N, C-alpha and C. Protein backbone atom coordinates (compact mmCIF):
# COMPACT_ATOMS: atom_id res chain seq x y z
N MET A 1 -26.54 -108.15 26.51
CA MET A 1 -26.17 -108.08 25.04
C MET A 1 -27.07 -106.96 24.53
N GLU A 2 -28.27 -106.98 24.91
CA GLU A 2 -29.25 -105.90 24.38
C GLU A 2 -28.76 -104.53 24.78
N ALA A 3 -28.33 -104.33 25.97
CA ALA A 3 -27.85 -102.87 26.44
C ALA A 3 -26.55 -102.48 25.64
N SER A 4 -25.68 -103.36 25.22
CA SER A 4 -24.64 -103.11 24.64
C SER A 4 -24.92 -102.71 23.15
N LEU A 5 -25.96 -103.40 22.51
CA LEU A 5 -26.38 -103.20 21.26
C LEU A 5 -27.11 -101.76 21.18
N THR A 6 -27.89 -101.50 22.15
CA THR A 6 -28.58 -100.15 22.20
C THR A 6 -27.41 -99.06 22.43
N SER A 7 -26.46 -99.33 23.13
CA SER A 7 -25.30 -98.45 23.39
C SER A 7 -24.68 -98.15 22.01
N LEU A 8 -24.43 -99.23 21.33
CA LEU A 8 -23.60 -99.10 20.05
C LEU A 8 -24.61 -98.23 19.01
N VAL A 9 -25.78 -98.47 18.96
CA VAL A 9 -26.75 -97.81 18.28
C VAL A 9 -26.73 -96.32 18.52
N ASP A 10 -26.82 -96.02 19.72
CA ASP A 10 -26.84 -94.57 20.36
C ASP A 10 -25.49 -93.83 19.81
N GLU A 11 -24.28 -94.64 20.01
CA GLU A 11 -23.11 -94.03 19.66
C GLU A 11 -22.99 -93.74 18.14
N LEU A 12 -23.45 -94.85 17.32
CA LEU A 12 -23.47 -94.62 15.89
C LEU A 12 -24.52 -93.46 15.55
N SER A 13 -25.42 -93.30 16.15
CA SER A 13 -26.46 -92.13 15.83
C SER A 13 -25.79 -90.84 16.22
N ARG A 14 -24.96 -90.69 17.39
CA ARG A 14 -24.36 -89.53 17.77
C ARG A 14 -23.29 -89.18 16.64
N GLN A 15 -22.53 -90.20 16.27
CA GLN A 15 -21.51 -90.06 15.27
C GLN A 15 -22.18 -89.57 13.88
N ARG A 16 -23.29 -90.14 13.48
CA ARG A 16 -23.88 -89.65 12.22
C ARG A 16 -24.24 -88.17 12.43
N ASP A 17 -24.87 -87.91 13.48
CA ASP A 17 -25.28 -86.54 13.79
C ASP A 17 -24.13 -85.58 13.66
N GLN A 18 -23.06 -85.88 14.21
CA GLN A 18 -21.78 -85.04 14.21
C GLN A 18 -21.30 -84.99 12.65
N LEU A 19 -21.46 -86.06 11.94
CA LEU A 19 -20.96 -85.96 10.60
C LEU A 19 -21.81 -85.16 9.72
N GLU A 20 -23.09 -85.32 9.99
CA GLU A 20 -24.02 -84.45 9.09
C GLU A 20 -23.83 -83.03 9.45
N LYS A 21 -23.59 -82.46 10.67
CA LYS A 21 -23.24 -81.18 11.07
C LYS A 21 -22.07 -80.74 10.40
N GLU A 22 -21.06 -81.60 10.33
CA GLU A 22 -19.79 -81.14 9.77
C GLU A 22 -19.88 -81.00 8.27
N VAL A 23 -20.70 -82.03 7.54
CA VAL A 23 -20.96 -81.93 6.15
C VAL A 23 -21.61 -80.52 5.89
N ALA A 24 -22.69 -80.22 6.55
CA ALA A 24 -23.44 -78.93 6.42
C ALA A 24 -22.53 -77.83 6.55
N LYS A 25 -21.66 -77.78 7.64
CA LYS A 25 -20.73 -76.55 7.88
C LYS A 25 -19.85 -76.51 6.69
N ARG A 26 -19.23 -77.57 6.10
CA ARG A 26 -18.23 -77.52 5.01
C ARG A 26 -19.02 -77.13 3.77
N LYS A 27 -20.33 -77.53 3.51
CA LYS A 27 -20.91 -76.92 2.34
C LYS A 27 -21.33 -75.54 2.57
N ARG A 28 -21.59 -74.96 3.71
CA ARG A 28 -21.66 -73.52 3.83
C ARG A 28 -20.40 -72.78 3.58
N ALA A 29 -19.32 -73.30 4.03
CA ALA A 29 -18.04 -72.65 3.77
C ALA A 29 -17.60 -72.70 2.31
N GLU A 30 -17.95 -73.79 1.71
CA GLU A 30 -17.54 -73.85 0.29
C GLU A 30 -18.40 -72.91 -0.54
N ALA A 31 -19.72 -72.86 -0.22
CA ALA A 31 -20.58 -71.87 -0.91
C ALA A 31 -20.09 -70.43 -0.76
N ALA A 32 -19.72 -70.16 0.60
CA ALA A 32 -19.16 -68.74 0.74
C ALA A 32 -17.97 -68.54 0.01
N LEU A 33 -17.11 -69.56 -0.05
CA LEU A 33 -15.83 -69.35 -0.86
C LEU A 33 -16.06 -69.18 -2.40
N LEU A 34 -17.09 -69.89 -2.96
CA LEU A 34 -17.30 -69.84 -4.36
C LEU A 34 -17.94 -68.41 -4.67
N GLU A 35 -18.79 -68.00 -3.75
CA GLU A 35 -19.37 -66.56 -3.88
C GLU A 35 -18.39 -65.60 -3.86
N SER A 36 -17.48 -65.76 -2.90
CA SER A 36 -16.31 -64.72 -2.82
C SER A 36 -15.43 -64.77 -4.06
N GLU A 37 -15.09 -65.89 -4.54
CA GLU A 37 -14.29 -65.98 -5.79
C GLU A 37 -15.03 -65.41 -7.04
N ARG A 38 -16.47 -65.67 -7.05
CA ARG A 38 -17.13 -65.16 -8.24
C ARG A 38 -17.18 -63.54 -8.06
N GLU A 39 -17.27 -63.04 -6.87
CA GLU A 39 -17.28 -61.53 -6.70
C GLU A 39 -15.90 -60.99 -7.08
N SER A 40 -14.82 -61.73 -6.76
CA SER A 40 -13.44 -61.25 -7.10
C SER A 40 -13.37 -61.31 -8.57
N ARG A 41 -13.82 -62.27 -9.25
CA ARG A 41 -13.71 -62.29 -10.82
C ARG A 41 -14.54 -61.06 -11.38
N LEU A 42 -15.75 -60.74 -10.83
CA LEU A 42 -16.45 -59.70 -11.27
C LEU A 42 -15.70 -58.44 -11.05
N ILE A 43 -15.05 -58.21 -9.82
CA ILE A 43 -14.28 -57.00 -9.66
C ILE A 43 -13.20 -56.83 -10.38
N GLU A 44 -12.48 -57.93 -10.65
CA GLU A 44 -11.28 -57.85 -11.51
C GLU A 44 -11.66 -57.56 -12.97
N GLY A 45 -12.80 -58.10 -13.49
CA GLY A 45 -13.22 -57.84 -14.80
C GLY A 45 -13.58 -56.27 -14.90
N ALA A 46 -14.24 -55.83 -13.85
CA ALA A 46 -14.43 -54.43 -13.93
C ALA A 46 -13.33 -53.55 -13.83
N ARG A 47 -12.21 -53.95 -13.22
CA ARG A 47 -11.03 -53.09 -13.08
C ARG A 47 -10.17 -53.14 -14.54
N LYS A 48 -10.42 -54.15 -15.23
CA LYS A 48 -9.83 -54.24 -16.47
C LYS A 48 -10.46 -53.38 -17.55
N GLY A 49 -11.68 -53.11 -17.46
CA GLY A 49 -12.46 -52.40 -18.31
C GLY A 49 -11.94 -50.79 -18.40
N SER A 50 -11.98 -50.29 -19.52
CA SER A 50 -11.36 -48.94 -19.64
C SER A 50 -12.52 -47.95 -19.46
N GLU A 51 -12.29 -46.64 -19.38
CA GLU A 51 -13.33 -45.67 -19.31
C GLU A 51 -14.07 -45.52 -20.38
N SER A 52 -13.48 -45.82 -21.65
CA SER A 52 -14.20 -45.84 -23.04
C SER A 52 -15.05 -46.97 -23.02
N ASP A 53 -14.75 -48.13 -22.51
CA ASP A 53 -15.61 -49.36 -22.72
C ASP A 53 -16.95 -49.04 -21.81
N LEU A 54 -16.66 -48.44 -20.53
CA LEU A 54 -17.75 -48.11 -19.74
C LEU A 54 -18.68 -47.08 -20.37
N LYS A 55 -18.13 -46.14 -20.95
CA LYS A 55 -18.78 -44.84 -21.51
C LYS A 55 -19.70 -45.51 -22.68
N LEU A 56 -19.07 -46.43 -23.45
CA LEU A 56 -19.81 -47.12 -24.56
C LEU A 56 -21.08 -47.78 -23.99
N ILE A 57 -20.97 -48.52 -22.98
CA ILE A 57 -22.04 -49.33 -22.42
C ILE A 57 -23.21 -48.28 -21.89
N ILE A 58 -22.81 -47.27 -21.16
CA ILE A 58 -23.67 -46.36 -20.73
C ILE A 58 -24.36 -45.53 -21.76
N ASP A 59 -23.44 -45.19 -22.80
CA ASP A 59 -24.21 -44.37 -23.91
C ASP A 59 -25.21 -45.08 -24.70
N THR A 60 -24.93 -46.48 -24.91
CA THR A 60 -25.85 -47.22 -25.75
C THR A 60 -27.03 -47.95 -25.01
N HIS A 61 -27.10 -47.66 -23.64
CA HIS A 61 -28.17 -48.15 -22.86
C HIS A 61 -28.88 -47.12 -22.02
N PRO A 62 -30.13 -47.21 -21.59
CA PRO A 62 -30.65 -46.32 -20.65
C PRO A 62 -30.19 -46.71 -19.37
N ALA A 63 -28.99 -46.03 -18.98
CA ALA A 63 -28.35 -46.23 -17.73
C ALA A 63 -28.31 -45.13 -16.86
N LEU A 64 -28.09 -45.35 -15.55
CA LEU A 64 -27.70 -44.46 -14.64
C LEU A 64 -26.21 -44.61 -14.26
N ALA A 65 -25.51 -43.55 -14.09
CA ALA A 65 -24.04 -43.62 -13.65
C ALA A 65 -23.80 -42.75 -12.51
N TRP A 66 -22.86 -43.05 -11.57
CA TRP A 66 -22.38 -42.25 -10.55
C TRP A 66 -21.09 -42.63 -10.14
N ALA A 67 -20.37 -41.74 -9.33
CA ALA A 67 -19.06 -41.94 -8.83
C ALA A 67 -19.05 -41.53 -7.43
N GLU A 68 -18.32 -42.24 -6.44
CA GLU A 68 -18.30 -41.82 -5.16
C GLU A 68 -16.91 -41.86 -4.68
N PRO A 69 -16.49 -40.95 -3.94
CA PRO A 69 -14.93 -41.03 -3.47
C PRO A 69 -14.74 -42.09 -2.30
N ASN A 70 -13.63 -42.75 -2.46
CA ASN A 70 -13.25 -43.84 -1.51
C ASN A 70 -12.60 -43.10 -0.37
N ASP A 71 -12.56 -43.72 0.86
CA ASP A 71 -11.77 -43.17 2.00
C ASP A 71 -10.26 -43.17 1.41
N GLY A 72 -9.60 -42.12 1.76
CA GLY A 72 -8.30 -42.14 1.27
C GLY A 72 -8.11 -41.60 -0.13
N SER A 73 -7.69 -42.32 -1.22
CA SER A 73 -7.56 -41.98 -2.49
C SER A 73 -8.48 -42.87 -3.38
N GLY A 74 -8.60 -42.34 -4.63
CA GLY A 74 -9.33 -43.07 -5.48
C GLY A 74 -10.93 -42.96 -5.36
N GLY A 75 -11.65 -43.65 -6.12
CA GLY A 75 -13.05 -43.44 -6.14
C GLY A 75 -13.67 -44.80 -6.63
N THR A 76 -15.04 -44.86 -6.56
CA THR A 76 -15.80 -45.98 -7.02
C THR A 76 -16.69 -45.40 -8.08
N PHE A 77 -16.75 -46.03 -9.29
CA PHE A 77 -17.49 -45.60 -10.35
C PHE A 77 -18.56 -46.78 -10.60
N ALA A 78 -19.79 -46.50 -10.69
CA ALA A 78 -20.92 -47.57 -10.65
C ALA A 78 -21.95 -47.08 -11.71
N PHE A 79 -22.59 -48.06 -12.32
CA PHE A 79 -23.72 -47.87 -13.22
C PHE A 79 -24.70 -48.84 -13.06
N ALA A 80 -25.96 -48.60 -13.37
CA ALA A 80 -27.01 -49.53 -13.37
C ALA A 80 -27.75 -49.50 -14.69
N ILE A 81 -27.95 -50.66 -15.31
CA ILE A 81 -28.58 -50.84 -16.51
C ILE A 81 -29.82 -51.60 -16.28
N PRO A 82 -31.05 -51.29 -16.78
CA PRO A 82 -32.32 -51.95 -16.54
C PRO A 82 -32.24 -53.30 -17.25
N CYS A 83 -32.94 -54.27 -16.68
CA CYS A 83 -32.91 -55.66 -17.39
C CYS A 83 -33.77 -55.57 -18.58
N ALA A 84 -34.87 -54.82 -18.60
CA ALA A 84 -35.74 -54.60 -19.89
C ALA A 84 -36.16 -53.20 -19.92
N VAL A 85 -36.33 -52.80 -21.10
CA VAL A 85 -36.80 -51.48 -21.31
C VAL A 85 -38.30 -51.58 -21.98
N GLU A 86 -39.29 -50.86 -21.40
CA GLU A 86 -40.53 -50.72 -21.96
C GLU A 86 -40.67 -49.96 -23.08
N ARG A 87 -41.10 -50.35 -24.22
CA ARG A 87 -41.19 -49.53 -25.32
C ARG A 87 -42.71 -49.38 -25.89
N THR A 88 -42.95 -48.12 -26.11
CA THR A 88 -44.34 -47.78 -26.61
C THR A 88 -44.33 -47.52 -27.95
N VAL A 89 -45.38 -47.93 -28.63
CA VAL A 89 -45.45 -47.85 -30.06
C VAL A 89 -46.35 -46.66 -30.46
């Protein structure tokens, strides 16, 4: 009876390990999906912005702006705005 109990404990331990691995795998997949969806929303929001909206942002902040051609047609417009501006008095 002790051998069968040990066998049962070993099997339950293996099943627990498999479940833990599957849960971890699903959590990683869910996190990747959420990040992908967040990036898609950011990209879509940028596409909806007009040139005048972007120009206003850049003109009213100390920003850098640049454009790069895409392979084929079109281009990518990018800008960087600092998080904080050091001011001297």
